[in-house]
Amino acid sequence: MASRKSPDTSERSAASPELPEALAIRQPRQKRSREAWQRVLEAGITLLESAGYGGFTIAALSETSGINPRAIYERASSKEALFLAVYEHKMTQMANDRDRLFREAQESGLPPGEVIGRAVAAVLLLFERNAEFLRPVIAIAPEHRVVFERGKRHTALLGDMFVAALERTGLLTGDSTPAWQAFRAVYAMAVLRTMQGADFISPAPTLDEEITYSTTMVDQYLRAE
């Protein structure tokens, strides 16, 4: 198996590319306006989770947030611009949670199986905790180029962290390919649970059981490699 270095995490961790002017947000400067905008963003998350992309409208967002539609249009010129602002707001929250989860996999002195278990748990927990938001986003991504490309970027960063954790186990021999293959398997399971439910293929395991099964699978695969 050919040697493969981990992707450049410093490049991937840079801020997302700027949006076209038509989709850019006019950021508020005054404290009161910033607070109102935060209410809009949080309400947008709630609306996406409850009504999906189809129900995400300026009128519904105004009702949910309690902010006048005119004030919303002062910040975002269209539903699309507003949706992408809400998307990035939620992904920032998820990135903070992701970083915290993976810090737990970086504690010194952990045995390989525990490191693997914490890395697997980080991926599955991140999806489980944010399933209601991720479900409509994943559903529209194939037809929404901006979300698709930014989703790829967030996924790549998640994969970088997963692989970096597995590299601490000592089970890899200078080739990160097995770790990336393991990430693909765990990531696919996380997406399947999010989109189709835990019992889509077989009787539903609990999340803890899924973490245990996936940890064993990755551990055995890396040792076999």
C-alpha atoms as a PDB file:
ATOM      1  CA  MET A   1       0.000   0.000   0.000  1.00  0.00           C
ATOM      2  CA  ALA A   2       1.464   3.318  -1.068  1.00  0.00           C
ATOM      3  CA  SER A   3       2.471   5.815   1.569  1.00  0.00           C
ATOM      4  CA  ARG A   4       0.090   8.723   1.976  1.00  0.00           C
ATOM      5  CA  LYS A   5       0.638  11.759   4.142  1.00  0.00           C
ATOM      6  CA  SER A   6      -2.161  13.395   6.067  1.00  0.00           C
ATOM      7  CA  PRO A   7      -3.725  16.400   4.303  1.00  0.00           C
ATOM      8  CA  ASP A   8      -2.508  19.875   5.193  1.00  0.00           C
ATOM      9  CA  THR A   9      -4.656  20.797   8.171  1.00  0.00           C
ATOM     10  CA  SER A  10      -3.293  24.346   8.319  1.00  0.00           C
ATOM     11  CA  GLU A  11      -4.707  25.010   4.856  1.00  0.00           C
ATOM     12  CA  ARG A  12      -8.026  23.425   5.657  1.00  0.00           C
ATOM     13  CA  SER A  13      -8.433  25.248   8.942  1.00  0.00           C
ATOM     14  CA  ALA A  14      -8.410  28.629   7.217  1.00  0.00           C
ATOM     15  CA  ALA A  15     -11.654  30.584   7.071  1.00  0.00           C
ATOM     16  CA  SER A  16     -14.192  29.551   4.469  1.00  0.00           C
ATOM     17  CA  PRO A  17     -13.844  31.358   1.111  1.00  0.00           C
ATOM     18  CA  GLU A  18     -15.739  34.618   0.900  1.00  0.00           C
ATOM     19  CA  LEU A  19     -19.171  34.536  -0.672  1.00  0.00           C
ATOM     20  CA  PRO A  20     -20.189  36.594  -3.712  1.00  0.00           C
ATOM     21  CA  GLU A  21     -21.380  40.065  -2.757  1.00  0.00           C
ATOM     22  CA  ALA A  22     -25.009  39.098  -3.393  1.00  0.00           C
ATOM     23  CA  LEU A  23     -24.769  36.442  -0.676  1.00  0.00           C
ATOM     24  CA  ALA A  24     -22.661  38.411   1.789  1.00  0.00           C
ATOM     25  CA  ILE A  25     -24.086  39.568   5.113  1.00  0.00           C
ATOM     26  CA  ARG A  26     -24.014  43.203   6.128  1.00  0.00           C
ATOM     27  CA  GLN A  27     -22.662  42.727   9.618  1.00  0.00           C
ATOM     28  CA  PRO A  28     -24.222  44.803  12.418  1.00  0.00           C
ATOM     29  CA  ARG A  29     -21.967  47.166  14.347  1.00  0.00           C
ATOM     30  CA  GLN A  30     -24.047  48.376  17.256  1.00  0.00           C
ATOM     31  CA  LYS A  31     -24.570  46.139  20.269  1.00  0.00           C
ATOM     32  CA  ARG A  32     -28.351  46.139  19.968  1.00  0.00           C
ATOM     33  CA  SER A  33     -28.159  45.222  16.290  1.00  0.00           C
ATOM     34  CA  ARG A  34     -25.640  42.449  16.985  1.00  0.00           C
ATOM     35  CA  GLU A  35     -27.930  40.986  19.634  1.00  0.00           C
ATOM     36  CA  ALA A  36     -30.879  41.082  17.247  1.00  0.00           C
ATOM     37  CA  TRP A  37     -28.805  39.407  14.548  1.00  0.00           C
ATOM     38  CA  GLN A  38     -27.806  36.640  16.949  1.00  0.00           C
ATOM     39  CA  ARG A  39     -31.499  36.035  17.642  1.00  0.00           C
ATOM     40  CA  VAL A  40     -32.087  35.748  13.906  1.00  0.00           C
ATOM     41  CA  LEU A  41     -29.263  33.221  13.494  1.00  0.00           C
ATOM     42  CA  GLU A  42     -30.406  31.093  16.433  1.00  0.00           C
ATOM     43  CA  ALA A  43     -33.994  31.236  15.215  1.00  0.00           C
ATOM     44  CA  GLY A  44     -32.761  30.174  11.793  1.00  0.00           C
ATOM     45  CA  ILE A  45     -31.251  27.033  13.268  1.00  0.00           C
ATOM     46  CA  THR A  46     -34.495  26.262  15.070  1.00  0.00           C
ATOM     47  CA  LEU A  47     -36.499  26.828  11.898  1.00  0.00           C
ATOM     48  CA  LEU A  48     -34.280  24.598   9.769  1.00  0.00           C
ATOM     49  CA  GLU A  49     -34.510  21.847  12.363  1.00  0.00           C
ATOM     50  CA  SER A  50     -38.299  22.020  12.564  1.00  0.00           C
ATOM     51  CA  ALA A  51     -39.343  22.927   9.021  1.00  0.00           C
ATOM     52  CA  GLY A  52     -36.386  22.019   6.820  1.00  0.00           C
ATOM     53  CA  TYR A  53     -35.034  24.055   3.934  1.00  0.00           C
ATOM     54  CA  GLY A  54     -38.453  24.338   2.296  1.00  0.00           C
ATOM     55  CA  GLY A  55     -39.907  25.974   5.390  1.00  0.00           C
ATOM     56  CA  PHE A  56     -36.986  28.338   5.812  1.00  0.00           C
ATOM     57  CA  THR A  57     -38.491  31.665   4.722  1.00  0.00           C
ATOM     58  CA  ILE A  58     -37.996  35.258   5.745  1.00  0.00           C
ATOM     59  CA  ALA A  59     -41.570  35.422   7.017  1.00  0.00           C
ATOM     60  CA  ALA A  60     -41.196  32.279   9.132  1.00  0.00           C
ATOM     61  CA  LEU A  61     -37.845  33.462  10.430  1.00  0.00           C
ATOM     62  CA  SER A  62     -39.285  36.826  11.386  1.00  0.00           C
ATOM     63  CA  GLU A  63     -42.056  35.126  13.324  1.00  0.00           C
ATOM     64  CA  THR A  64     -39.649  32.717  15.035  1.00  0.00           C
ATOM     65  CA  SER A  65     -37.083  35.364  15.962  1.00  0.00           C
ATOM     66  CA  GLY A  66     -39.438  38.230  16.691  1.00  0.00           C
ATOM     67  CA  ILE A  67     -37.382  40.455  14.379  1.00  0.00           C
ATOM     68  CA  ASN A  68     -39.118  42.591  11.753  1.00  0.00           C
ATOM     69  CA  PRO A  69     -38.583  41.309   8.157  1.00  0.00           C
ATOM     70  CA  ARG A  70     -37.273  44.722   7.143  1.00  0.00           C
ATOM     71  CA  ALA A  71     -34.534  44.472   9.779  1.00  0.00           C
ATOM     72  CA  ILE A  72     -33.605  41.013   8.492  1.00  0.00           C
ATOM     73  CA  TYR A  73     -33.395  42.278   4.902  1.00  0.00           C
ATOM     74  CA  GLU A  74     -31.031  44.996   6.111  1.00  0.00           C
ATOM     75  CA  ARG A  75     -28.533  42.220   6.872  1.00  0.00           C
ATOM     76  CA  ALA A  76     -29.293  39.652   4.168  1.00  0.00           C
ATOM     77  CA  SER A  77     -30.584  40.521   0.708  1.00  0.00           C
ATOM     78  CA  SER A  78     -32.188  37.117   0.077  1.00  0.00           C
ATOM     79  CA  LYS A  79     -33.310  33.865   1.645  1.00  0.00           C
ATOM     80  CA  GLU A  80     -30.203  32.237   0.187  1.00  0.00           C
ATOM     81  CA  ALA A  81     -27.839  34.697   1.864  1.00  0.00           C
ATOM     82  CA  LEU A  82     -29.665  34.256   5.148  1.00  0.00           C
ATOM     83  CA  PHE A  83     -29.624  30.475   4.899  1.00  0.00           C
ATOM     84  CA  LEU A  84     -25.854  30.428   4.337  1.00  0.00           C
ATOM     85  CA  ALA A  85     -25.337  32.763   7.302  1.00  0.00           C
ATOM     86  CA  VAL A  86     -27.342  30.422   9.523  1.00  0.00           C
ATOM     87  CA  TYR A  87     -25.451  27.438   8.119  1.00  0.00           C
ATOM     88  CA  GLU A  88     -22.054  28.956   8.933  1.00  0.00           C
ATOM     89  CA  HIS A  89     -23.255  30.033  12.377  1.00  0.00           C
ATOM     90  CA  LYS A  90     -24.279  26.479  13.233  1.00  0.00           C
ATOM     91  CA  MET A  91     -21.147  24.957  11.716  1.00  0.00           C
ATOM     92  CA  THR A  92     -19.041  27.241  13.901  1.00  0.00           C
ATOM     93  CA  GLN A  93     -20.875  25.924  16.954  1.00  0.00           C
ATOM     94  CA  MET A  94     -20.334  22.360  15.766  1.00  0.00           C
ATOM     95  CA  ALA A  95     -16.632  23.029  15.159  1.00  0.00           C
ATOM     96  CA  ASN A  96     -16.236  24.126  18.783  1.00  0.00           C
ATOM     97  CA  ASP A  97     -17.918  20.908  19.929  1.00  0.00           C
ATOM     98  CA  ARG A  98     -15.785  18.878  17.512  1.00  0.00           C
ATOM     99  CA  ASP A  99     -12.568  20.394  18.856  1.00  0.00           C
ATOM    100  CA  ARG A 100     -13.580  19.670  22.438  1.00  0.00           C
ATOM    101  CA  LEU A 101     -14.446  16.053  21.627  1.00  0.00           C
ATOM    102  CA  PHE A 102     -11.137  15.445  19.909  1.00  0.00           C
ATOM    103  CA  ARG A 103      -9.171  17.041  22.730  1.00  0.00           C
ATOM    104  CA  GLU A 104     -10.466  14.150  24.832  1.00  0.00           C
ATOM    105  CA  ALA A 105      -8.823  11.757  22.368  1.00  0.00           C
ATOM    106  CA  GLN A 106      -5.480  13.531  22.772  1.00  0.00           C
ATOM    107  CA  GLU A 107      -4.986  12.940  26.470  1.00  0.00           C
ATOM    108  CA  SER A 108      -1.557  11.494  27.139  1.00  0.00           C
ATOM    109  CA  GLY A 109      -1.107   7.928  28.313  1.00  0.00           C
ATOM    110  CA  LEU A 110      -4.276   6.500  26.778  1.00  0.00           C
ATOM    111  CA  PRO A 111      -4.053   2.918  25.428  1.00  0.00           C
ATOM    112  CA  PRO A 112      -4.664   2.529  21.671  1.00  0.00           C
ATOM    113  CA  GLY A 113      -8.150   1.108  22.094  1.00  0.00           C
ATOM    114  CA  GLU A 114      -9.230   4.065  24.212  1.00  0.00           C
ATOM    115  CA  VAL A 115      -7.844   6.575  21.700  1.00  0.00           C
ATOM    116  CA  ILE A 116      -9.735   4.826  18.908  1.00  0.00           C
ATOM    117  CA  GLY A 117     -12.894   4.718  20.998  1.00  0.00           C
ATOM    118  CA  ARG A 118     -12.769   8.435  21.734  1.00  0.00           C
ATOM    119  CA  ALA A 119     -12.105   9.319  18.090  1.00  0.00           C
ATOM    120  CA  VAL A 120     -15.000   7.136  16.936  1.00  0.00           C
ATOM    121  CA  ALA A 121     -17.241   8.611  19.625  1.00  0.00           C
ATOM    122  CA  ALA A 122     -16.297  12.142  18.556  1.00  0.00           C
ATOM    123  CA  VAL A 123     -17.607  11.579  15.032  1.00  0.00           C
ATOM    124  CA  LEU A 124     -20.768   9.733  16.023  1.00  0.00           C
ATOM    125  CA  LEU A 125     -21.605  12.102  18.875  1.00  0.00           C
ATOM    126  CA  LEU A 126     -21.130  15.159  16.687  1.00  0.00           C
ATOM    127  CA  PHE A 127     -23.702  13.847  14.230  1.00  0.00           C
ATOM    128  CA  GLU A 128     -26.072  12.565  16.920  1.00  0.00           C
ATOM    129  CA  ARG A 129     -26.156  15.881  18.771  1.00  0.00           C
ATOM    130  CA  ASN A 130     -26.787  17.870  15.605  1.00  0.00           C
ATOM    131  CA  ALA A 131     -28.894  15.411  13.613  1.00  0.00           C
ATOM    132  CA  GLU A 132     -31.951  17.649  13.304  1.00  0.00           C
ATOM    133  CA  PHE A 133     -29.866  20.393  11.704  1.00  0.00           C
ATOM    134  CA  LEU A 134     -27.677  18.123   9.588  1.00  0.00           C
ATOM    135  CA  ARG A 135     -30.586  16.181   8.112  1.00  0.00           C
ATOM    136  CA  PRO A 136     -31.978  18.996   5.905  1.00  0.00           C
ATOM    137  CA  VAL A 137     -28.485  20.294   5.133  1.00  0.00           C
ATOM    138  CA  ILE A 138     -27.200  16.916   3.928  1.00  0.00           C
ATOM    139  CA  ALA A 139     -30.390  16.437   1.928  1.00  0.00           C
ATOM    140  CA  ILE A 140     -29.938  19.619  -0.120  1.00  0.00           C
ATOM    141  CA  ALA A 141     -26.122  19.513  -0.430  1.00  0.00           C
ATOM    142  CA  PRO A 142     -26.003  17.580  -3.752  1.00  0.00           C
ATOM    143  CA  GLU A 143     -28.017  20.357  -5.415  1.00  0.00           C
ATOM    144  CA  HIS A 144     -26.543  23.291  -3.486  1.00  0.00           C
ATOM    145  CA  ARG A 145     -23.010  23.947  -4.684  1.00  0.00           C
ATOM    146  CA  VAL A 146     -21.944  26.285  -1.884  1.00  0.00           C
ATOM    147  CA  VAL A 147     -23.183  23.968   0.873  1.00  0.00           C
ATOM    148  CA  PHE A 148     -21.656  20.990  -0.944  1.00  0.00           C
ATOM    149  CA  GLU A 149     -18.197  22.585  -1.150  1.00  0.00           C
ATOM    150  CA  ARG A 150     -18.273  23.891   2.404  1.00  0.00           C
ATOM    151  CA  GLY A 151     -19.552  20.564   3.640  1.00  0.00           C
ATOM    152  CA  LYS A 152     -16.577  18.889   1.976  1.00  0.00           C
ATOM    153  CA  ARG A 153     -14.283  21.303   3.781  1.00  0.00           C
ATOM    154  CA  HIS A 154     -15.844  20.630   7.183  1.00  0.00           C
ATOM    155  CA  THR A 155     -15.727  16.873   6.527  1.00  0.00           C
ATOM    156  CA  ALA A 156     -12.065  17.060   5.555  1.00  0.00           C
ATOM    157  CA  LEU A 157     -11.248  18.856   8.802  1.00  0.00           C
ATOM    158  CA  LEU A 158     -13.144  16.218  10.760  1.00  0.00           C
ATOM    159  CA  GLY A 159     -11.203  13.522   8.934  1.00  0.00           C
ATOM    160  CA  ASP A 160      -7.893  15.255   9.653  1.00  0.00           C
ATOM    161  CA  MET A 161      -8.647  15.211  13.371  1.00  0.00           C
ATOM    162  CA  PHE A 162      -9.781  11.587  13.318  1.00  0.00           C
ATOM    163  CA  VAL A 163      -6.628  10.486  11.482  1.00  0.00           C
ATOM    164  CA  ALA A 164      -4.384  12.569  13.751  1.00  0.00           C
ATOM    165  CA  ALA A 165      -5.926  10.819  16.760  1.00  0.00           C
ATOM    166  CA  LEU A 166      -5.352   7.365  15.266  1.00  0.00           C
ATOM    167  CA  GLU A 167      -1.751   8.257  14.499  1.00  0.00           C
ATOM    168  CA  ARG A 168      -1.225   8.549  18.264  1.00  0.00           C
ATOM    169  CA  THR A 169      -2.055   4.868  18.743  1.00  0.00           C
ATOM    170  CA  GLY A 170       1.218   3.622  17.264  1.00  0.00           C
ATOM    171  CA  LEU A 171      -0.749   1.197  15.085  1.00  0.00           C
ATOM    172  CA  LEU A 172       0.078   3.033  11.858  1.00  0.00           C
ATOM    173  CA  THR A 173       3.428   2.570  10.145  1.00  0.00           C
ATOM    174  CA  GLY A 174       3.938   5.873   8.374  1.00  0.00           C
ATOM    175  CA  ASP A 175       0.945   5.337   6.107  1.00  0.00           C
ATOM    176  CA  SER A 176      -2.271   7.147   6.992  1.00  0.00           C
ATOM    177  CA  THR A 177      -4.391   5.356   4.371  1.00  0.00           C
ATOM    178  CA  PRO A 178      -5.826   2.777   6.829  1.00  0.00           C
ATOM    179  CA  ALA A 179      -6.835   5.589   9.178  1.00  0.00           C
ATOM    180  CA  TRP A 180      -8.600   7.427   6.352  1.00  0.00           C
ATOM    181  CA  GLN A 181     -10.398   4.240   5.352  1.00  0.00           C
ATOM    182  CA  ALA A 182     -11.505   3.828   8.965  1.00  0.00           C
ATOM    183  CA  PHE A 183     -12.775   7.409   8.980  1.00  0.00           C
ATOM    184  CA  ARG A 184     -14.781   6.749   5.807  1.00  0.00           C
ATOM    185  CA  ALA A 185     -16.493   3.799   7.483  1.00  0.00           C
ATOM    186  CA  VAL A 186     -17.319   5.677  10.700  1.00  0.00           C
ATOM    187  CA  TYR A 187     -18.410   8.782   8.808  1.00  0.00           C
ATOM    188  CA  ALA A 188     -20.683   6.719   6.565  1.00  0.00           C
ATOM    189  CA  MET A 189     -22.282   5.153   9.624  1.00  0.00           C
ATOM    190  CA  ALA A 190     -22.837   8.603  11.154  1.00  0.00           C
ATOM    191  CA  VAL A 191     -24.520   9.857   7.979  1.00  0.00           C
ATOM    192  CA  LEU A 192     -26.645   6.708   7.728  1.00  0.00           C
ATOM    193  CA  ARG A 193     -27.873   7.078  11.305  1.00  0.00           C
ATOM    194  CA  THR A 194     -28.641  10.744  10.691  1.00  0.00           C
ATOM    195  CA  MET A 195     -30.494  10.358   7.416  1.00  0.00           C
ATOM    196  CA  GLN A 196     -32.173   6.954   7.695  1.00  0.00           C
ATOM    197  CA  GLY A 197     -32.194   6.123  11.391  1.00  0.00           C
ATOM    198  CA  ALA A 198     -30.212   3.627  13.417  1.00  0.00           C
ATOM    199  CA  ASP A 199     -32.428   0.679  12.467  1.00  0.00           C
ATOM    200  CA  PHE A 200     -32.361   1.171   8.686  1.00  0.00           C
ATOM    201  CA  ILE A 201     -30.162  -1.887   8.072  1.00  0.00           C
ATOM    202  CA  SER A 202     -30.728  -3.985  11.170  1.00  0.00           C
ATOM    203  CA  PRO A 203     -32.376  -3.738  14.614  1.00  0.00           C
ATOM    204  CA  ALA A 204     -31.293  -0.445  16.095  1.00  0.00           C
ATOM    205  CA  PRO A 205     -28.224  -0.445  18.296  1.00  0.00           C
ATOM    206  CA  THR A 206     -28.035   2.315  20.861  1.00  0.00           C
ATOM    207  CA  LEU A 207     -25.492   5.041  20.248  1.00  0.00           C
ATOM    208  CA  ASP A 208     -23.222   3.550  22.929  1.00  0.00           C
ATOM    209  CA  GLU A 209     -23.454   0.158  21.229  1.00  0.00           C
ATOM    210  CA  GLU A 210     -22.710   1.728  17.854  1.00  0.00           C
ATOM    211  CA  ILE A 211     -19.624   3.388  19.293  1.00  0.00           C
ATOM    212  CA  THR A 212     -18.481   0.093  20.812  1.00  0.00           C
ATOM    213  CA  TYR A 213     -19.043  -1.883  17.604  1.00  0.00           C
ATOM    214  CA  SER A 214     -17.337   0.731  15.432  1.00  0.00           C
ATOM    215  CA  THR A 215     -14.408   1.018  17.839  1.00  0.00           C
ATOM    216  CA  THR A 216     -13.864  -2.738  17.702  1.00  0.00           C
ATOM    217  CA  MET A 217     -14.092  -2.692  13.906  1.00  0.00           C
ATOM    218  CA  VAL A 218     -11.505   0.099  13.564  1.00  0.00           C
ATOM    219  CA  ASP A 219      -9.191  -1.448  16.163  1.00  0.00           C
ATOM    220  CA  GLN A 220      -9.202  -4.836  14.443  1.00  0.00           C
ATOM    221  CA  TYR A 221      -8.766  -3.285  11.021  1.00  0.00           C
ATOM    222  CA  LEU A 222      -5.743  -1.199  12.063  1.00  0.00           C
ATOM    223  CA  ARG A 223      -4.087  -4.150  13.797  1.00  0.00           C
ATOM    224  CA  ALA A 224      -4.673  -6.336  10.733  1.00  0.00           C
ATOM    225  CA  GLU A 225      -3.056  -3.715   8.545  1.00  0.00           C
END
